[in-house]
PDB file of N, CA and C in Angstrom:
ATOM      1  N   MET A   1      11.926   3.180  10.864  1.00  0.00           N
ATOM      2  CA  MET A   1      10.584   2.694  11.133  1.00  0.00           C
ATOM      3  C   MET A   1      10.203   1.653  10.082  1.00  0.00           C
ATOM      4  N   GLU A   2       9.681   0.536  10.530  1.00  0.00           N
ATOM      5  CA  GLU A   2       9.294  -0.553   9.650  1.00  0.00           C
ATOM      6  C   GLU A   2       7.950  -0.244   8.977  1.00  0.00           C
ATOM      7  N   PHE A   3       7.825  -0.657   7.722  1.00  0.00           N
ATOM      8  CA  PHE A   3       6.597  -0.441   6.968  1.00  0.00           C
ATOM      9  C   PHE A   3       5.454  -1.235   7.588  1.00  0.00           C
ATOM     10  N   ASP A   4       4.317  -0.592   7.767  1.00  0.00           N
ATOM     11  CA  ASP A   4       3.130  -1.234   8.338  1.00  0.00           C
ATOM     12  C   ASP A   4       2.037  -1.242   7.271  1.00  0.00           C
ATOM     13  N   TYR A   5       1.883  -2.395   6.616  1.00  0.00           N
ATOM     14  CA  TYR A   5       0.934  -2.523   5.508  1.00  0.00           C
ATOM     15  C   TYR A   5      -0.495  -2.172   5.946  1.00  0.00           C
ATOM     16  N   GLU A   6      -0.936  -2.747   7.044  1.00  0.00           N
ATOM     17  CA  GLU A   6      -2.302  -2.527   7.503  1.00  0.00           C
ATOM     18  C   GLU A   6      -2.561  -1.062   7.813  1.00  0.00           C
ATOM     19  N   GLU A   7      -1.614  -0.421   8.469  1.00  0.00           N
ATOM     20  CA  GLU A   7      -1.761   1.002   8.798  1.00  0.00           C
ATOM     21  C   GLU A   7      -1.808   1.851   7.528  1.00  0.00           C
ATOM     22  N   THR A   8      -1.022   1.482   6.543  1.00  0.00           N
ATOM     23  CA  THR A   8      -1.007   2.220   5.285  1.00  0.00           C
ATOM     24  C   THR A   8      -2.340   2.073   4.559  1.00  0.00           C
ATOM     25  N   VAL A   9      -2.910   0.877   4.570  1.00  0.00           N
ATOM     26  CA  VAL A   9      -4.221   0.659   3.946  1.00  0.00           C
ATOM     27  C   VAL A   9      -5.287   1.500   4.652  1.00  0.00           C
ATOM     28  N   ILE A  10      -5.239   1.544   5.963  1.00  0.00           N
ATOM     29  CA  ILE A  10      -6.181   2.365   6.725  1.00  0.00           C
ATOM     30  C   ILE A  10      -6.026   3.829   6.327  1.00  0.00           C
ATOM     31  N   ASN A  11      -4.786   4.277   6.190  1.00  0.00           N
ATOM     32  CA  ASN A  11      -4.524   5.658   5.788  1.00  0.00           C
ATOM     33  C   ASN A  11      -5.122   5.944   4.408  1.00  0.00           C
ATOM     34  N   ILE A  12      -4.953   5.016   3.489  1.00  0.00           N
ATOM     35  CA  ILE A  12      -5.512   5.183   2.141  1.00  0.00           C
ATOM     36  C   ILE A  12      -7.042   5.278   2.222  1.00  0.00           C
ATOM     37  N   GLN A  13      -7.648   4.417   3.014  1.00  0.00           N
ATOM     38  CA  GLN A  13      -9.104   4.437   3.169  1.00  0.00           C
ATOM     39  C   GLN A  13      -9.580   5.772   3.743  1.00  0.00           C
ATOM     40  N   GLU A  14      -8.831   6.313   4.687  1.00  0.00           N
ATOM     41  CA  GLU A  14      -9.182   7.612   5.282  1.00  0.00           C
ATOM     42  C   GLU A  14      -9.070   8.724   4.242  1.00  0.00           C
ATOM     43  N   ILE A  15      -8.035   8.663   3.420  1.00  0.00           N
ATOM     44  CA  ILE A  15      -7.865   9.670   2.366  1.00  0.00           C
ATOM     45  C   ILE A  15      -9.029   9.591   1.380  1.00  0.00           C
ATOM     46  N   ILE A  16      -9.402   8.387   0.986  1.00  0.00           N
ATOM     47  CA  ILE A  16     -10.520   8.212   0.052  1.00  0.00           C
ATOM     48  C   ILE A  16     -11.798   8.793   0.641  1.00  0.00           C
ATOM     49  N   ALA A  17     -12.030   8.528   1.919  1.00  0.00           N
ATOM     50  CA  ALA A  17     -13.224   9.059   2.585  1.00  0.00           C
ATOM     51  C   ALA A  17     -13.213  10.590   2.585  1.00  0.00           C
ATOM     52  N   GLU A  18     -12.038  11.174   2.851  1.00  0.00           N
ATOM     53  CA  GLU A  18     -11.932  12.630   2.841  1.00  0.00           C
ATOM     54  C   GLU A  18     -12.235  13.197   1.452  1.00  0.00           C
ATOM     55  N   ILE A  19     -11.681  12.562   0.425  1.00  0.00           N
ATOM     56  CA  ILE A  19     -11.905  13.030  -0.948  1.00  0.00           C
ATOM     57  C   ILE A  19     -13.382  12.894  -1.308  1.00  0.00           C
ATOM     58  N   GLU A  20     -13.973  11.746  -0.972  1.00  0.00           N
ATOM     59  CA  GLU A  20     -15.369  11.500  -1.308  1.00  0.00           C
ATOM     60  C   GLU A  20     -16.337  12.374  -0.525  1.00  0.00           C
ATOM     61  N   SER A  21     -15.895  12.930   0.595  1.00  0.00           N
ATOM     62  CA  SER A  21     -16.779  13.765   1.412  1.00  0.00           C
ATOM     63  C   SER A  21     -17.191  15.041   0.679  1.00  0.00           C
ATOM     64  N   GLY A  22     -16.361  15.471  -0.267  1.00  0.00           N
ATOM     65  CA  GLY A  22     -16.663  16.686  -1.010  1.00  0.00           C
ATOM     66  C   GLY A  22     -16.366  17.965  -0.244  1.00  0.00           C
ATOM     67  N   GLU A  23     -15.731  17.831   0.904  1.00  0.00           N
ATOM     68  CA  GLU A  23     -15.470  18.990   1.750  1.00  0.00           C
ATOM     69  C   GLU A  23     -14.097  19.615   1.524  1.00  0.00           C
ATOM     70  N   LEU A  24     -13.268  18.973   0.726  1.00  0.00           N
ATOM     71  CA  LEU A  24     -11.921  19.493   0.484  1.00  0.00           C
ATOM     72  C   LEU A  24     -11.910  20.448  -0.706  1.00  0.00           C
ATOM     73  N   LYS A  25     -11.008  21.408  -0.639  1.00  0.00           N
ATOM     74  CA  LYS A  25     -10.774  22.262  -1.794  1.00  0.00           C
ATOM     75  C   LYS A  25     -10.069  21.431  -2.854  1.00  0.00           C
ATOM     76  N   LEU A  26     -10.165  21.858  -4.098  1.00  0.00           N
ATOM     77  CA  LEU A  26      -9.590  21.100  -5.196  1.00  0.00           C
ATOM     78  C   LEU A  26      -8.095  20.856  -4.988  1.00  0.00           C
ATOM     79  N   GLU A  27      -7.384  21.873  -4.532  1.00  0.00           N
ATOM     80  CA  GLU A  27      -5.948  21.719  -4.281  1.00  0.00           C
ATOM     81  C   GLU A  27      -5.686  20.638  -3.242  1.00  0.00           C
ATOM     82  N   GLU A  28      -6.518  20.598  -2.195  1.00  0.00           N
ATOM     83  CA  GLU A  28      -6.375  19.581  -1.149  1.00  0.00           C
ATOM     84  C   GLU A  28      -6.676  18.181  -1.701  1.00  0.00           C
ATOM     85  N   VAL A  29      -7.639  18.095  -2.619  1.00  0.00           N
ATOM     86  CA  VAL A  29      -7.959  16.810  -3.234  1.00  0.00           C
ATOM     87  C   VAL A  29      -6.734  16.281  -3.970  1.00  0.00           C
ATOM     88  N   PHE A  30      -6.084  17.147  -4.740  1.00  0.00           N
ATOM     89  CA  PHE A  30      -4.891  16.718  -5.481  1.00  0.00           C
ATOM     90  C   PHE A  30      -3.769  16.294  -4.536  1.00  0.00           C
ATOM     91  N   GLU A  31      -3.582  17.034  -3.444  1.00  0.00           N
ATOM     92  CA  GLU A  31      -2.547  16.688  -2.471  1.00  0.00           C
ATOM     93  C   GLU A  31      -2.842  15.329  -1.831  1.00  0.00           C
ATOM     94  N   LYS A  32      -4.087  15.145  -1.409  1.00  0.00           N
ATOM     95  CA  LYS A  32      -4.480  13.884  -0.776  1.00  0.00           C
ATOM     96  C   LYS A  32      -4.361  12.728  -1.774  1.00  0.00           C
ATOM     97  N   PHE A  33      -4.768  12.978  -3.014  1.00  0.00           N
ATOM     98  CA  PHE A  33      -4.681  11.948  -4.045  1.00  0.00           C
ATOM     99  C   PHE A  33      -3.230  11.533  -4.246  1.00  0.00           C
ATOM    100  N   SER A  34      -2.320  12.494  -4.276  1.00  0.00           N
ATOM    101  CA  SER A  34      -0.893  12.191  -4.435  1.00  0.00           C
ATOM    102  C   SER A  34      -0.372  11.351  -3.276  1.00  0.00           C
ATOM    103  N   LEU A  35      -0.809  11.667  -2.074  1.00  0.00           N
ATOM    104  CA  LEU A  35      -0.410  10.887  -0.902  1.00  0.00           C
ATOM    105  C   LEU A  35      -0.932   9.459  -1.001  1.00  0.00           C
ATOM    106  N   ALA A  36      -2.188   9.310  -1.440  1.00  0.00           N
ATOM    107  CA  ALA A  36      -2.774   7.976  -1.573  1.00  0.00           C
ATOM    108  C   ALA A  36      -2.040   7.163  -2.633  1.00  0.00           C
ATOM    109  N   VAL A  37      -1.685   7.790  -3.741  1.00  0.00           N
ATOM    110  CA  VAL A  37      -0.950   7.090  -4.797  1.00  0.00           C
ATOM    111  C   VAL A  37       0.408   6.628  -4.281  1.00  0.00           C
ATOM    112  N   ALA A  38       1.094   7.488  -3.545  1.00  0.00           N
ATOM    113  CA  ALA A  38       2.397   7.121  -2.974  1.00  0.00           C
ATOM    114  C   ALA A  38       2.244   5.936  -2.021  1.00  0.00           C
ATOM    115  N   ASP A  39       1.196   5.973  -1.199  1.00  0.00           N
ATOM    116  CA  ASP A  39       0.955   4.863  -0.265  1.00  0.00           C
ATOM    117  C   ASP A  39       0.615   3.575  -1.018  1.00  0.00           C
ATOM    118  N   LEU A  40      -0.176   3.693  -2.079  1.00  0.00           N
ATOM    119  CA  LEU A  40      -0.512   2.519  -2.883  1.00  0.00           C
ATOM    120  C   LEU A  40       0.743   1.908  -3.514  1.00  0.00           C
ATOM    121  N   GLN A  41       1.652   2.749  -3.942  1.00  0.00           N
ATOM    122  CA  GLN A  41       2.909   2.254  -4.519  1.00  0.00           C
ATOM    123  C   GLN A  41       3.734   1.524  -3.471  1.00  0.00           C
ATOM    124  N   LYS A  42       3.744   2.044  -2.253  1.00  0.00           N
ATOM    125  CA  LYS A  42       4.452   1.368  -1.159  1.00  0.00           C
ATOM    126  C   LYS A  42       3.832   0.002  -0.882  1.00  0.00           C
ATOM    127  N   CYS A  43       2.498  -0.055  -0.885  1.00  0.00           N
ATOM    128  CA  CYS A  43       1.811  -1.330  -0.654  1.00  0.00           C
ATOM    129  C   CYS A  43       2.130  -2.324  -1.764  1.00  0.00           C
ATOM    130  N   GLU A  44       2.093  -1.848  -2.998  1.00  0.00           N
ATOM    131  CA  GLU A  44       2.387  -2.732  -4.126  1.00  0.00           C
ATOM    132  C   GLU A  44       3.813  -3.278  -4.033  1.00  0.00           C
ATOM    133  N   SER A  45       4.748  -2.421  -3.690  1.00  0.00           N
ATOM    134  CA  SER A  45       6.140  -2.840  -3.544  1.00  0.00           C
ATOM    135  C   SER A  45       6.274  -3.871  -2.423  1.00  0.00           C
ATOM    136  N   PHE A  46       5.623  -3.618  -1.307  1.00  0.00           N
ATOM    137  CA  PHE A  46       5.651  -4.537  -0.175  1.00  0.00           C
ATOM    138  C   PHE A  46       5.084  -5.896  -0.568  1.00  0.00           C
ATOM    139  N   LEU A  47       3.942  -5.894  -1.256  1.00  0.00           N
ATOM    140  CA  LEU A  47       3.311  -7.148  -1.653  1.00  0.00           C
ATOM    141  C   LEU A  47       4.151  -7.905  -2.675  1.00  0.00           C
ATOM    142  N   THR A  48       4.758  -7.184  -3.600  1.00  0.00           N
ATOM    143  CA  THR A  48       5.623  -7.814  -4.599  1.00  0.00           C
ATOM    144  C   THR A  48       6.822  -8.466  -3.928  1.00  0.00           C
ATOM    145  N   LYS A  49       7.458  -7.739  -3.015  1.00  0.00           N
ATOM    146  CA  LYS A  49       8.616  -8.274  -2.299  1.00  0.00           C
ATOM    147  C   LYS A  49       8.219  -9.489  -1.463  1.00  0.00           C
ATOM    148  N   SER A  50       7.074  -9.406  -0.809  1.00  0.00           N
ATOM    149  CA  SER A  50       6.601 -10.517   0.012  1.00  0.00           C
ATOM    150  C   SER A  50       6.304 -11.738  -0.845  1.00  0.00           C
ATOM    151  N   GLN A  51       5.703 -11.520  -2.008  1.00  0.00           N
ATOM    152  CA  GLN A  51       5.411 -12.628  -2.916  1.00  0.00           C
ATOM    153  C   GLN A  51       6.697 -13.292  -3.400  1.00  0.00           C
ATOM    154  N   GLU A  52       7.703 -12.482  -3.714  1.00  0.00           N
ATOM    155  CA  GLU A  52       8.991 -13.033  -4.144  1.00  0.00           C
ATOM    156  C   GLU A  52       9.628 -13.869  -3.049  1.00  0.00           C
ATOM    157  N   GLN A  53       9.553 -13.391  -1.806  1.00  0.00           N
ATOM    158  CA  GLN A  53      10.102 -14.138  -0.679  1.00  0.00           C
ATOM    159  C   GLN A  53       9.346 -15.447  -0.477  1.00  0.00           C
ATOM    160  N   MET A  54       8.027 -15.399  -0.628  1.00  0.00           N
ATOM    161  CA  MET A  54       7.203 -16.594  -0.491  1.00  0.00           C
ATOM    162  C   MET A  54       7.549 -17.596  -1.586  1.00  0.00           C
ATOM    163  N   ASN A  55       7.696 -17.131  -2.808  1.00  0.00           N
ATOM    164  CA  ASN A  55       8.049 -18.023  -3.916  1.00  0.00           C
ATOM    165  C   ASN A  55       9.408 -18.678  -3.686  1.00  0.00           C
ATOM    166  N   LEU A  56      10.351 -17.907  -3.178  1.00  0.00           N
ATOM    167  CA  LEU A  56      11.673 -18.448  -2.892  1.00  0.00           C
ATOM    168  C   LEU A  56      11.599 -19.515  -1.800  1.00  0.00           C
ATOM    169  N   SER A  57      10.796 -19.257  -0.786  1.00  0.00           N
ATOM    170  CA  SER A  57      10.621 -20.241   0.291  1.00  0.00           C
ATOM    171  C   SER A  57      10.000 -21.523  -0.240  1.00  0.00           C
ATOM    172  N   ILE A  58       9.017 -21.388  -1.108  1.00  0.00           N
ATOM    173  CA  ILE A  58       8.362 -22.565  -1.695  1.00  0.00           C
ATOM    174  C   ILE A  58       9.345 -23.349  -2.542  1.00  0.00           C
ATOM    175  N   GLU A  59      10.133 -22.637  -3.352  1.00  0.00           N
ATOM    176  CA  GLU A  59      11.140 -23.312  -4.179  1.00  0.00           C
ATOM    177  C   GLU A  59      12.151 -24.059  -3.319  1.00  0.00           C
ATOM    178  N   THR A  60      12.571 -23.446  -2.233  1.00  0.00           N
ATOM    179  CA  THR A  60      13.523 -24.070  -1.319  1.00  0.00           C
ATOM    180  C   THR A  60      12.928 -25.338  -0.722  1.00  0.00           C
ATOM    181  N   LEU A  61      11.664 -25.261  -0.311  1.00  0.00           N
ATOM    182  CA  LEU A  61      11.005 -26.434   0.247  1.00  0.00           C
ATOM    183  C   LEU A  61      10.875 -27.548  -0.786  1.00  0.00           C
ATOM    184  N   GLU A  62      10.513 -27.183  -2.000  1.00  0.00           N
ATOM    185  CA  GLU A  62      10.365 -28.176  -3.068  1.00  0.00           C
ATOM    186  C   GLU A  62      11.698 -28.836  -3.395  1.00  0.00           C
ATOM    187  N   ASP A  63      12.773 -28.060  -3.360  1.00  0.00           N
ATOM    188  CA  ASP A  63      14.101 -28.610  -3.650  1.00  0.00           C
ATOM    189  C   ASP A  63      14.560 -29.588  -2.572  1.00  0.00           C
ATOM    190  N   ASN A  64      14.073 -29.386  -1.350  1.00  0.00           N
ATOM    191  CA  ASN A  64      14.491 -30.243  -0.240  1.00  0.00           C
ATOM    192  C   ASN A  64      13.688 -31.534  -0.145  1.00  0.00           C
ATOM    193  N   PHE A  65      12.630 -31.645  -0.934  1.00  0.00           N
ATOM    194  CA  PHE A  65      11.797 -32.861  -0.835  1.00  0.00           C
ATOM    195  C   PHE A  65      11.820 -33.617  -2.105  1.00  0.00           C
TER     196      PHE A  65
END
């Protein structure tokens, strides 16, 4: 399955809303927080990789002109 950045961001937002609702038990808050952190790390990795690819494309274009 391919990584879906937008879907992951939505998931993080939903987790934040659940935590902020105050309706979760403390253990559930920690579990949800861990899931959100993992998703944030995936997003950061995706953005870093995308930025590197973009920089490489720009360098290639600059070298050709």
